[in-house]
Protein backbone atom coordinates (compact mmCIF):
# COMPACT_ATOMS: atom_id res chain seq x y z
CA MET A 1 70.49 63.96 175.25
CA LYS A 2 68.77 64.24 171.72
CA ARG A 3 71.65 61.94 170.05
CA TYR A 4 71.48 59.51 173.23
CA VAL A 5 67.24 59.54 172.09
CA LEU A 6 68.14 58.95 168.68
CA PHE A 7 70.94 55.90 169.57
CA VAL A 8 68.32 54.04 171.58
CA CYS A 9 65.51 54.33 169.38
CA LEU A 10 67.68 53.22 166.85
CA LEU A 11 69.09 50.13 168.87
CA LEU A 12 65.29 49.51 169.41
CA SER A 13 64.21 49.65 165.78
CA GLY A 14 67.13 47.66 164.80
CA LEU A 15 66.29 44.81 167.82
CA ALA A 16 62.77 44.26 166.43
CA GLY A 17 63.89 42.75 163.28
CA VAL A 18 65.45 40.25 165.25
CA TYR A 19 62.05 39.14 166.82
CA ALA A 20 59.88 39.81 163.64
CA GLN A 21 57.67 37.09 162.90
CA SER A 22 58.44 35.06 160.01
CA ILE A 23 56.23 33.67 157.58
CA ALA A 24 56.48 29.96 155.86
CA PRO A 25 55.40 30.40 152.16
CA PHE A 26 52.39 28.59 151.17
CA GLN A 27 52.49 24.70 150.67
CA LYS A 28 50.79 22.58 148.02
CA GLY A 29 47.10 22.27 149.30
CA ASP A 30 47.32 25.20 151.38
CA ARG A 31 43.95 27.57 150.76
CA ILE A 32 43.47 31.05 151.36
CA ALA A 33 41.05 33.46 151.51
CA PHE A 34 40.99 37.30 151.18
CA VAL A 35 38.47 39.19 153.57
CA GLY A 36 37.21 42.33 152.76
CA ASN A 37 34.82 44.67 150.59
CA SER A 38 37.99 46.85 149.14
CA ILE A 39 35.83 46.67 145.75
CA THR A 40 32.27 47.02 146.56
CA CYS A 41 33.47 50.01 148.87
CA GLY A 42 31.37 53.05 148.29
CA GLY A 43 29.34 50.93 145.33
CA HIS A 44 32.36 51.31 143.08
CA TYR A 45 32.08 47.79 142.36
CA HIS A 46 28.64 48.89 140.27
CA SER A 47 30.09 51.53 138.61
CA TYR A 48 33.17 49.27 137.47
CA ILE A 49 30.65 46.98 135.72
CA TRP A 50 28.93 49.79 134.12
CA LEU A 51 32.01 51.70 133.12
CA TYR A 52 33.24 48.03 131.41
CA TYR A 53 30.60 47.44 129.51
CA MET A 54 30.45 50.74 128.39
CA THR A 55 33.85 50.78 127.11
CA ARG A 56 34.36 47.53 125.22
CA PHE A 57 30.31 47.12 123.83
CA PRO A 58 28.94 50.78 123.44
CA ASP A 59 26.31 49.38 121.10
């Protein structure tokens, strides 16, 4: 029974790749936008600026 379930899972996961979305490469003139707050999350943005200036211009 376990082998049968494993076989079915492997078969279904293999078929998922066939029906996967294909993404076209960027064309000349395309515009993109990166949306999110990965840098500013938790106030790290300000500490990164502070650390940059403290390590490069200590005076």
